[in-house]
C-alpha atoms as a PDB file:
ATOM      1  CA  UNK A   1     -45.656  46.084  30.715  1.00  0.00           C
ATOM      2  CA  UNK A   2     -43.739  47.132  33.805  1.00  0.00           C
ATOM      3  CA  UNK A   3     -46.896  46.927  35.972  1.00  0.00           C
ATOM      4  CA  UNK A   4     -47.662  43.420  34.693  1.00  0.00           C
ATOM      5  CA  UNK A   5     -44.176  42.247  35.633  1.00  0.00           C
ATOM      6  CA  UNK A   6     -44.300  43.859  39.066  1.00  0.00           C
ATOM      7  CA  UNK A   7     -47.740  42.602  40.034  1.00  0.00           C
ATOM      8  CA  UNK A   8     -48.066  39.212  38.334  1.00  0.00           C
ATOM      9  CA  UNK A   9     -44.930  37.805  36.798  1.00  0.00           C
ATOM     10  CA  UNK A  10     -42.508  38.636  39.622  1.00  0.00           C
ATOM     11  CA  UNK A  11     -44.456  36.803  42.392  1.00  0.00           C
ATOM     12  CA  UNK A  12     -45.083  33.866  40.061  1.00  0.00           C
ATOM     13  CA  UNK A  13     -41.414  33.576  39.129  1.00  0.00           C
ATOM     14  CA  UNK A  14     -40.282  33.915  42.753  1.00  0.00           C
ATOM     15  CA  UNK A  15     -42.766  31.223  43.813  1.00  0.00           C
ATOM     16  CA  UNK A  16     -41.711  28.896  41.005  1.00  0.00           C
ATOM     17  CA  UNK A  17     -37.986  29.310  41.578  1.00  0.00           C
ATOM     18  CA  UNK A  18     -38.395  29.024  45.343  1.00  0.00           C
ATOM     19  CA  UNK A  19     -40.527  25.924  44.977  1.00  0.00           C
ATOM     20  CA  UNK A  20     -38.010  24.330  42.621  1.00  0.00           C
ATOM     21  CA  UNK A  21     -35.107  24.994  44.978  1.00  0.00           C
ATOM     22  CA  UNK A  22     -36.980  23.709  48.017  1.00  0.00           C
ATOM     23  CA  UNK A  23     -38.188  20.597  46.160  1.00  0.00           C
ATOM     24  CA  UNK A  24     -34.691  19.854  44.840  1.00  0.00           C
ATOM     25  CA  UNK A  25     -33.092  20.279  48.263  1.00  0.00           C
ATOM     26  CA  UNK A  26     -35.824  18.288  49.985  1.00  0.00           C
ATOM     27  CA  UNK A  27     -35.339  15.324  47.663  1.00  0.00           C
ATOM     28  CA  UNK A  28     -31.583  15.314  48.331  1.00  0.00           C
ATOM     29  CA  UNK A  29     -32.107  15.511  52.106  1.00  0.00           C
ATOM     30  CA  UNK A  30     -34.729  12.764  52.032  1.00  0.00           C
ATOM     31  CA  UNK A  31     -32.342  10.467  50.132  1.00  0.00           C
ATOM     32  CA  UNK A  32     -29.674  10.897  52.796  1.00  0.00           C
ATOM     33  CA  UNK A  33     -32.178  10.420  55.620  1.00  0.00           C
ATOM     34  CA  UNK A  34     -33.510   7.240  54.017  1.00  0.00           C
ATOM     35  CA  UNK A  35     -29.990   5.798  53.827  1.00  0.00           C
ATOM     36  CA  UNK A  36     -29.460   6.429  57.545  1.00  0.00           C
ATOM     37  CA  UNK A  37     -32.922   5.109  58.359  1.00  0.00           C
ATOM     38  CA  UNK A  38     -32.177   1.934  56.381  1.00  0.00           C
ATOM     39  CA  UNK A  39     -28.888   1.452  58.235  1.00  0.00           C
ATOM     40  CA  UNK A  40     -30.687   1.983  61.529  1.00  0.00           C
ATOM     41  CA  UNK A  41     -33.299  -0.630  60.670  1.00  0.00           C
ATOM     42  CA  UNK A  42     -30.603  -3.015  59.470  1.00  0.00           C
ATOM     43  CA  UNK A  43     -28.762  -2.647  62.780  1.00  0.00           C
ATOM     44  CA  UNK A  44     -31.996  -3.214  64.714  1.00  0.00           C
ATOM     45  CA  UNK A  45     -32.742  -6.391  62.812  1.00  0.00           C
ATOM     46  CA  UNK A  46     -29.178  -7.608  63.334  1.00  0.00           C
ATOM     47  CA  UNK A  47     -29.531  -7.076  67.089  1.00  0.00           C
ATOM     48  CA  UNK A  48     -32.832  -8.948  66.986  1.00  0.00           C
ATOM     49  CA  UNK A  49     -31.165 -11.768  65.019  1.00  0.00           C
ATOM     50  CA  UNK A  50     -28.406 -12.211  67.610  1.00  0.00           C
ATOM     51  CA  UNK A  51     -31.086 -11.959  70.331  1.00  0.00           C
ATOM     52  CA  UNK A  52     -29.698  -8.895  72.065  1.00  0.00           C
ATOM     53  CA  UNK A  53     -32.992  -6.993  71.859  1.00  0.00           C
ATOM     54  CA  UNK A  54     -36.618  -7.600  71.005  1.00  0.00           C
ATOM     55  CA  UNK A  55     -38.487  -5.166  68.748  1.00  0.00           C
ATOM     56  CA  UNK A  56     -42.243  -4.787  68.491  1.00  0.00           C
ATOM     57  CA  UNK A  57     -42.394  -4.326  64.698  1.00  0.00           C
ATOM     58  CA  UNK A  58     -46.096  -3.549  64.566  1.00  0.00           C
ATOM     59  CA  UNK A  59     -45.756  -0.698  67.048  1.00  0.00           C
ATOM     60  CA  UNK A  60     -42.643   0.612  65.280  1.00  0.00           C
ATOM     61  CA  UNK A  61     -44.292   0.780  61.852  1.00  0.00           C
ATOM     62  CA  UNK A  62     -47.489   2.166  63.366  1.00  0.00           C
ATOM     63  CA  UNK A  63     -45.516   5.019  64.930  1.00  0.00           C
ATOM     64  CA  UNK A  64     -43.657   5.854  61.735  1.00  0.00           C
ATOM     65  CA  UNK A  65     -46.816   5.735  59.621  1.00  0.00           C
ATOM     66  CA  UNK A  66     -48.595   8.156  61.965  1.00  0.00           C
ATOM     67  CA  UNK A  67     -45.547  10.452  61.857  1.00  0.00           C
ATOM     68  CA  UNK A  68     -45.557  10.345  58.056  1.00  0.00           C
ATOM     69  CA  UNK A  69     -49.290  11.098  57.971  1.00  0.00           C
ATOM     70  CA  UNK A  70     -48.732  14.097  60.240  1.00  0.00           C
ATOM     71  CA  UNK A  71     -45.868  15.393  58.061  1.00  0.00           C
ATOM     72  CA  UNK A  72     -47.916  15.104  54.857  1.00  0.00           C
ATOM     73  CA  UNK A  73     -50.855  16.896  56.473  1.00  0.00           C
ATOM     74  CA  UNK A  74     -48.560  19.673  57.695  1.00  0.00           C
ATOM     75  CA  UNK A  75     -47.061  20.117  54.225  1.00  0.00           C
ATOM     76  CA  UNK A  76     -50.506  20.185  52.602  1.00  0.00           C
ATOM     77  CA  UNK A  77     -51.767  22.811  55.055  1.00  0.00           C
ATOM     78  CA  UNK A  78     -48.646  24.905  54.553  1.00  0.00           C
ATOM     79  CA  UNK A  79     -49.028  24.910  50.774  1.00  0.00           C
ATOM     80  CA  UNK A  80     -52.688  25.935  51.024  1.00  0.00           C
ATOM     81  CA  UNK A  81     -51.849  29.152  52.851  1.00  0.00           C
ATOM     82  CA  UNK A  82     -49.012  30.342  50.633  1.00  0.00           C
ATOM     83  CA  UNK A  83     -50.073  33.351  48.573  1.00  0.00           C
ATOM     84  CA  UNK A  84     -48.260  32.111  45.489  1.00  0.00           C
ATOM     85  CA  UNK A  85     -49.011  28.451  46.059  1.00  0.00           C
ATOM     86  CA  UNK A  86     -49.732  27.549  42.423  1.00  0.00           C
ATOM     87  CA  UNK A  87     -46.340  28.520  41.062  1.00  0.00           C
ATOM     88  CA  UNK A  88     -44.664  27.244  44.227  1.00  0.00           C
ATOM     89  CA  UNK A  89     -46.348  23.853  43.878  1.00  0.00           C
ATOM     90  CA  UNK A  90     -45.337  23.595  40.221  1.00  0.00           C
ATOM     91  CA  UNK A  91     -41.743  24.547  41.008  1.00  0.00           C
ATOM     92  CA  UNK A  92     -41.705  22.179  43.988  1.00  0.00           C
ATOM     93  CA  UNK A  93     -42.926  19.307  41.808  1.00  0.00           C
ATOM     94  CA  UNK A  94     -40.292  20.032  39.181  1.00  0.00           C
ATOM     95  CA  UNK A  95     -37.625  20.195  41.883  1.00  0.00           C
ATOM     96  CA  UNK A  96     -38.656  16.800  43.263  1.00  0.00           C
ATOM     97  CA  UNK A  97     -38.652  15.285  39.774  1.00  0.00           C
ATOM     98  CA  UNK A  98     -35.269  16.752  38.754  1.00  0.00           C
ATOM     99  CA  UNK A  99     -33.563  16.200  42.142  1.00  0.00           C
END
């Protein structure tokens, strides 16, 4: 029983707990970043409304969508190469859901 725990259950539990903690923290950080991003966009649109600046909206959204695509691809490639990716992915998903 001790060998089973050392070779199978321990890495799975570490991956699951680590994934949960990272997913939970990531969801909290993303919420805060989205609030600041929303305030930034609100201030940009106010400055456009009072005609202080002009913003090329198409280029702005195009840039952010390509950045988001890059970030998702990076995360997917990172998860593929983790040795305990199955338990990590499950814990990460649970952390995102519970966070």
